[in-house]
Amino acid sequence: MAEALPDDEYQSRIEQAAGLIASAEALLIGAGAGMGVDSGLPDFRGDEGFWRAYPQFRQLGLSFVDLANPHWFDEDPQRAWGFYGHRFELYRRTEPHAGFKLLKRWGQRCPAGSFVFTSNVDGHFQRAGFAAEQLLECHGSINHLQCSACCSDAIWPAAELGLDVDEQALRLSSPLPRCPHCGAVARPNILMFGDSHWLAGRFQRQAQRYRQWLRGAAGARLVVIELGAGSAVPTVRHQCESLPGELIRINPHDWACDREDSVSLPSGALLALRAIGAKLAI
């Protein structure tokens, strides 16, 4: 956490970050998996982090990369839905932490508004009150389904999905979700590893709205807040670094940044957001 910097330096950076947010005219929020850790979601950082959350898979020698693969929906759909069904229920019963509300409030005061670019599939920004039109979920959403056989381009909500997962074996014990069009096994509309069957229509519509927002915010003072975005799958990190706005990077691990106009905070998301919020009168 903040031990990576002397306390006076850390506090100075908190004040710098607060000053940037106070002067922002447009706010881009970039969020990786670390954003959800303070809500109580497991940290999948590295194989050891994944196996701490899912010791059953350590015994089977299966890593997150092994399991987050679409071939399971063909070869062993009960295993596939045991893994994704457990995550679906975990995300659904976990409340987003208070940092989401702070970000929403800071974005609302910006004349050009705010947008979220996230690799998280949990839907917690929507749960925290962010409008769907403000979001780009670059790896898809566990709250939406598609056909594993890609019989059509249809993507549908998973809101009514009811799943029973054997907690010991992490296998689905209830009937498999099915495509309403052809009856094949349904799968989450998530971009998995080695995935050539992800239906990207929903993502593409989000990306179009994101590009429109960036064009509309051109000329405004853009501030980018990057939270919990690691370097192992650096989609969010690269996006945040590529934008012309001033960058605030919050990460307890990969927190360093070479950009001169950046403020790096070695911290978890909620701790840093609360510290910044304490300096703001907004």
Protein backbone atom coordinates (compact mmCIF):
# COMPACT_ATOMS: atom_id res chain seq x y z
CA MET A 1 0.00 0.00 0.00
CA ALA A 2 1.30 3.48 0.79
CA GLU A 3 4.45 2.02 2.42
CA ALA A 4 6.14 2.15 -0.98
CA LEU A 5 6.47 5.93 -0.51
CA PRO A 6 7.34 8.08 2.50
CA ASP A 7 4.12 9.34 4.05
CA ASP A 8 4.80 13.00 3.23
CA GLU A 9 5.39 12.11 -0.42
CA TYR A 10 2.24 10.00 -0.52
CA GLN A 11 0.16 12.82 0.99
CA SER A 12 1.66 15.27 -1.50
CA ARG A 13 0.56 13.03 -4.34
CA ILE A 14 -2.93 12.73 -2.87
CA GLU A 15 -3.14 16.55 -2.90
CA GLN A 16 -1.88 16.64 -6.50
CA ALA A 17 -4.52 14.11 -7.54
CA ALA A 18 -7.25 16.07 -5.76
CA GLY A 19 -6.13 19.24 -7.54
CA LEU A 20 -6.31 17.54 -10.93
CA ILE A 21 -9.81 16.19 -10.27
CA ALA A 22 -11.03 19.56 -8.98
CA SER A 23 -9.91 21.21 -12.23
CA ALA A 24 -11.09 18.44 -14.57
CA GLU A 25 -13.59 19.29 -17.30
CA ALA A 26 -13.85 15.68 -18.47
CA LEU A 27 -13.12 12.51 -16.51
CA LEU A 28 -12.13 9.12 -17.91
CA ILE A 29 -12.24 6.28 -15.38
CA GLY A 30 -10.12 3.27 -16.32
CA ALA A 31 -10.68 0.23 -14.09
CA GLY A 32 -9.06 -3.19 -13.94
CA ALA A 33 -9.58 -6.16 -11.66
CA GLY A 34 -8.02 -4.39 -8.69
CA MET A 35 -11.01 -2.05 -8.55
CA GLY A 36 -13.19 -4.86 -7.20
CA VAL A 37 -10.84 -6.14 -4.51
CA ASP A 38 -12.09 -3.59 -1.97
CA SER A 39 -15.64 -4.81 -2.57
CA GLY A 40 -14.50 -8.25 -1.42
CA LEU A 41 -13.94 -9.84 -4.83
CA PRO A 42 -10.97 -12.21 -5.11
CA ASP A 43 -7.66 -11.05 -6.52
CA PHE A 44 -6.69 -13.29 -9.44
CA ARG A 45 -3.23 -11.73 -9.67
CA GLY A 46 -1.03 -14.61 -10.85
CA ASP A 47 -1.74 -18.32 -10.48
CA GLU A 48 -1.29 -18.19 -6.70
CA GLY A 49 -3.91 -15.46 -6.36
CA PHE A 50 -6.34 -17.47 -8.47
CA TRP A 51 -5.72 -20.69 -6.55
CA ARG A 52 -6.25 -18.94 -3.21
CA ALA A 53 -9.76 -18.11 -4.44
CA TYR A 54 -10.28 -21.52 -6.07
CA PRO A 55 -8.14 -24.16 -4.32
CA GLN A 56 -10.11 -26.90 -6.09
CA PHE A 57 -8.45 -25.93 -9.36
CA ARG A 58 -4.96 -26.03 -7.84
CA GLN A 59 -5.53 -29.73 -7.22
CA LEU A 60 -6.53 -30.16 -10.86
CA GLY A 61 -3.58 -28.08 -12.08
CA LEU A 62 -5.90 -25.61 -13.84
CA SER A 63 -5.04 -21.90 -13.90
CA PHE A 64 -7.29 -18.93 -14.63
CA VAL A 65 -6.02 -18.89 -18.22
CA ASP A 66 -6.86 -22.59 -18.54
CA LEU A 67 -10.41 -22.14 -17.26
CA ALA A 68 -11.28 -18.83 -18.92
CA ASN A 69 -11.32 -20.59 -22.26
CA PRO A 70 -14.35 -21.19 -24.48
CA HIS A 71 -13.44 -24.81 -25.27
CA TRP A 72 -14.90 -25.90 -21.91
CA PHE A 73 -18.41 -25.01 -23.12
CA ASP A 74 -18.00 -27.72 -25.77
CA GLU A 75 -15.92 -30.27 -23.88
CA ASP A 76 -17.30 -29.99 -20.33
CA PRO A 77 -20.06 -27.37 -20.04
CA GLN A 78 -20.81 -28.31 -16.41
CA ARG A 79 -17.21 -27.40 -15.58
CA ALA A 80 -17.43 -24.19 -17.64
CA TRP A 81 -20.64 -23.10 -15.93
CA GLY A 82 -19.35 -24.24 -12.55
CA PHE A 83 -16.57 -21.69 -12.91
CA TYR A 84 -18.55 -18.88 -14.54
CA GLY A 85 -21.70 -19.62 -12.55
CA HIS A 86 -19.82 -19.27 -9.28
CA ARG A 87 -18.41 -15.93 -10.44
CA PHE A 88 -21.84 -14.80 -11.67
CA GLU A 89 -23.42 -15.43 -8.27
CA LEU A 90 -20.45 -13.90 -6.43
CA TYR A 91 -20.63 -10.69 -8.46
CA ARG A 92 -24.41 -10.53 -8.05
CA ARG A 93 -24.35 -10.76 -4.25
CA THR A 94 -21.32 -8.46 -3.74
CA GLU A 95 -22.01 -4.75 -3.26
CA PRO A 96 -19.73 -2.25 -5.06
CA HIS A 97 -17.58 -0.34 -2.57
CA ALA A 98 -18.01 3.35 -1.75
CA GLY A 99 -15.28 4.43 -4.18
CA PHE A 100 -17.66 3.91 -7.10
CA LYS A 101 -20.00 6.59 -5.74
CA LEU A 102 -17.10 9.03 -5.31
CA LEU A 103 -16.07 8.57 -8.93
CA LYS A 104 -19.65 9.02 -10.09
CA ARG A 105 -19.98 12.27 -8.16
CA TRP A 106 -16.68 13.65 -9.49
CA GLY A 107 -17.69 12.82 -13.05
CA GLN A 108 -21.09 14.47 -12.69
CA ARG A 109 -19.53 17.86 -11.92
CA CYS A 110 -17.41 17.84 -15.11
CA PRO A 111 -18.88 20.01 -17.91
CA ALA A 112 -17.98 17.37 -20.53
CA GLY A 113 -19.05 14.49 -18.29
CA SER A 114 -17.32 11.19 -17.70
CA PHE A 115 -16.85 7.76 -19.23
CA VAL A 116 -15.72 4.39 -17.89
CA PHE A 117 -13.31 2.09 -19.72
CA THR A 118 -13.11 -1.20 -17.83
CA SER A 119 -11.89 -4.74 -18.32
CA ASN A 120 -14.12 -5.90 -15.46
CA VAL A 121 -17.06 -8.10 -16.43
CA ASP A 122 -18.92 -7.85 -13.10
CA GLY A 123 -21.35 -5.02 -13.92
CA HIS A 124 -20.49 -3.15 -10.72
CA PHE A 125 -20.29 0.27 -12.36
CA GLN A 126 -23.91 -0.13 -13.48
CA ARG A 127 -24.84 -1.36 -9.99
CA ALA A 128 -23.23 1.80 -8.55
CA GLY A 129 -25.41 4.04 -10.71
CA PHE A 130 -23.31 4.69 -13.81
CA ALA A 131 -25.46 4.92 -16.95
CA ALA A 132 -25.00 2.16 -19.53
CA GLU A 133 -24.24 4.86 -22.09
CA GLN A 134 -21.16 5.84 -20.03
CA LEU A 135 -19.48 2.44 -20.15
CA LEU A 136 -17.12 0.49 -22.35
CA GLU A 137 -16.61 -3.06 -21.06
CA CYS A 138 -13.69 -4.09 -23.24
CA HIS A 139 -13.79 -7.77 -22.20
CA GLY A 140 -17.57 -8.08 -22.25
CA SER A 141 -20.03 -8.78 -19.44
CA ILE A 142 -20.94 -11.81 -17.34
CA ASN A 143 -24.43 -10.31 -17.13
CA HIS A 144 -25.07 -10.98 -20.82
CA LEU A 145 -25.20 -14.29 -22.67
CA GLN A 146 -24.61 -15.54 -26.20
CA CYS A 147 -24.85 -18.88 -28.00
CA SER A 148 -21.70 -21.00 -27.67
CA ALA A 149 -22.36 -22.27 -31.21
CA CYS A 150 -22.78 -18.71 -32.55
CA CYS A 151 -26.03 -19.59 -34.29
CA SER A 152 -26.76 -15.85 -34.54
CA ASP A 153 -25.41 -12.50 -33.37
CA ALA A 154 -27.95 -12.38 -30.52
CA ILE A 155 -26.78 -11.21 -27.08
CA TRP A 156 -29.30 -11.28 -24.25
CA PRO A 157 -29.39 -10.29 -20.55
CA ALA A 158 -28.63 -12.90 -17.90
CA ALA A 159 -30.75 -11.15 -15.25
CA GLU A 160 -33.16 -14.08 -14.89
CA LEU A 161 -30.40 -16.70 -14.88
CA GLY A 162 -30.62 -19.09 -11.92
CA LEU A 163 -27.66 -21.38 -11.34
CA ASP A 164 -26.86 -24.01 -8.72
CA VAL A 165 -23.15 -24.71 -8.40
CA ASP A 166 -21.63 -27.54 -6.38
CA GLU A 167 -19.28 -25.48 -4.17
CA GLN A 168 -16.91 -28.38 -3.57
CA ALA A 169 -16.51 -29.63 -7.12
CA LEU A 170 -17.23 -26.23 -8.72
CA ARG A 171 -19.47 -27.88 -11.28
CA LEU A 172 -22.96 -26.82 -12.34
CA SER A 173 -25.62 -29.02 -10.74
CA SER A 174 -28.67 -27.27 -12.25
CA PRO A 175 -29.70 -27.46 -15.92
CA LEU A 176 -27.33 -25.82 -18.38
CA PRO A 177 -28.30 -22.38 -19.73
CA ARG A 178 -29.43 -22.77 -23.33
CA CYS A 179 -29.61 -20.56 -26.39
CA PRO A 180 -33.28 -19.63 -26.94
CA HIS A 181 -32.76 -19.75 -30.71
CA CYS A 182 -31.09 -23.14 -31.32
CA GLY A 183 -30.91 -24.90 -27.95
CA ALA A 184 -27.11 -25.08 -27.83
CA VAL A 185 -25.33 -24.32 -24.55
CA ALA A 186 -25.30 -20.59 -23.80
CA ARG A 187 -22.15 -18.90 -22.52
CA PRO A 188 -21.31 -15.51 -21.01
CA ASN A 189 -20.67 -12.74 -23.52
CA ILE A 190 -17.09 -12.44 -22.23
CA LEU A 191 -13.91 -12.31 -24.28
CA MET A 192 -12.03 -15.37 -23.06
CA PHE A 193 -8.48 -16.54 -23.80
CA GLY A 194 -8.13 -18.03 -27.28
CA ASP A 195 -11.68 -16.93 -28.02
CA SER A 196 -12.70 -16.79 -31.68
CA HIS A 197 -16.43 -17.04 -30.92
CA TRP A 198 -16.97 -13.95 -28.78
CA LEU A 199 -19.80 -11.89 -30.23
CA ALA A 200 -18.53 -8.32 -30.12
CA GLY A 201 -21.67 -6.45 -31.19
CA ARG A 202 -22.44 -5.08 -27.73
CA PHE A 203 -18.81 -4.05 -27.22
CA GLN A 204 -18.72 -2.35 -30.61
CA ARG A 205 -21.76 -0.24 -29.78
CA GLN A 206 -20.12 0.77 -26.50
CA ALA A 207 -16.87 1.59 -28.33
CA GLN A 208 -18.74 3.82 -30.77
CA ARG A 209 -20.28 5.78 -27.89
CA TYR A 210 -16.83 6.02 -26.26
CA ARG A 211 -15.30 7.48 -29.42
CA GLN A 212 -18.17 9.95 -29.67
CA TRP A 213 -17.59 11.02 -26.06
CA LEU A 214 -13.88 11.53 -26.66
CA ARG A 215 -14.64 13.67 -29.70
CA GLY A 216 -17.14 15.70 -27.69
CA ALA A 217 -14.60 16.19 -24.90
CA ALA A 218 -11.88 17.39 -27.26
CA GLY A 219 -10.57 20.72 -25.99
CA ALA A 220 -11.79 20.07 -22.45
CA ARG A 221 -9.28 19.45 -19.67
CA LEU A 222 -9.28 15.67 -19.50
CA VAL A 223 -8.18 13.84 -16.36
CA VAL A 224 -7.76 10.06 -16.44
CA ILE A 225 -8.09 8.00 -13.24
CA GLU A 226 -6.71 4.48 -13.67
CA LEU A 227 -7.55 2.05 -10.86
CA GLY A 228 -6.30 -1.48 -10.29
CA ALA A 229 -5.20 -2.03 -13.89
CA GLY A 230 -2.25 -4.42 -13.99
CA SER A 231 0.35 -5.13 -16.64
CA ALA A 232 -0.37 -8.85 -17.13
CA VAL A 233 -3.43 -8.08 -19.33
CA PRO A 234 -2.70 -4.40 -19.99
CA THR A 235 -5.75 -3.38 -22.05
CA VAL A 236 -6.95 -0.72 -19.59
CA ARG A 237 -3.44 0.42 -18.74
CA HIS A 238 -2.51 0.99 -22.37
CA GLN A 239 -5.76 2.85 -23.07
CA CYS A 240 -5.27 5.19 -20.13
CA GLU A 241 -1.64 5.88 -21.06
CA SER A 242 -2.59 6.61 -24.67
CA LEU A 243 -4.97 9.48 -23.86
CA PRO A 244 -3.78 13.10 -23.83
CA GLY A 245 -5.21 13.93 -20.41
CA GLU A 246 -3.33 14.04 -17.12
CA LEU A 247 -3.13 10.58 -15.57
CA ILE A 248 -3.72 9.47 -11.98
CA ARG A 249 -2.61 5.85 -11.55
CA ILE A 250 -3.81 4.00 -8.43
CA ASN A 251 -2.41 0.52 -7.93
CA PRO A 252 -0.91 -1.28 -4.93
CA HIS A 253 1.49 -3.24 -7.16
CA ASP A 254 2.24 -1.89 -10.66
CA TRP A 255 1.89 1.75 -9.68
CA ALA A 256 4.88 3.41 -11.36
CA CYS A 257 4.40 5.55 -14.47
CA ASP A 258 7.01 7.25 -16.64
CA ARG A 259 4.74 10.04 -17.88
CA GLU A 260 5.72 13.42 -16.49
CA ASP A 261 2.09 14.57 -16.27
CA SER A 262 1.07 11.58 -14.14
CA VAL A 263 0.46 11.10 -10.42
CA SER A 264 1.18 7.56 -9.20
CA LEU A 265 -0.33 6.29 -5.96
CA PRO A 266 0.78 2.93 -4.50
CA SER A 267 -2.56 2.08 -2.94
CA GLY A 268 -5.72 0.11 -3.20
CA ALA A 269 -8.59 1.87 -4.99
CA LEU A 270 -10.89 2.63 -2.05
CA LEU A 271 -8.14 3.88 0.27
CA ALA A 272 -6.81 6.30 -2.34
CA LEU A 273 -10.25 7.50 -3.47
CA ARG A 274 -11.29 8.24 0.10
CA ALA A 275 -8.03 10.12 0.73
CA ILE A 276 -8.54 12.18 -2.43
CA GLY A 277 -12.18 12.77 -1.54
CA ALA A 278 -11.17 14.12 1.85
CA LYS A 279 -9.23 16.87 0.06
CA LEU A 280 -12.08 17.80 -2.25
CA ALA A 281 -15.10 19.93 -1.45
CA ILE A 282 -17.11 18.24 -4.22
